[in-house]
Amino acid sequence: MSTTNEKKLVMKRYGITCEVKFVYTYKNFKYDNLEQAVNYATLTQENPEKSKSK
C-alpha cells in the first residue's frame, strides 16, 4: 500500500476516514488547543525566569 490511490481504496473498503487537524506550535511545544498555547506563551513571557528553568 504505497500509492495514494491504493490508500484511498483501502480506506473506502474499510470505511476509514481522515481529517485535517490543527497543531499550534510555540517555541518547541506543540498543542492541539490554541488556548493552551496562548496560556503557556503568556505565562513564559510574563515570567521569563520560569521559562529558563524548564
Foldseek 3Di string as FASTA:
>chain_A
DPDPVVVVVVCVVVVHDDDDADWDDDDHDIDSDPVVVVVVVVVCVVPVVVVVVD
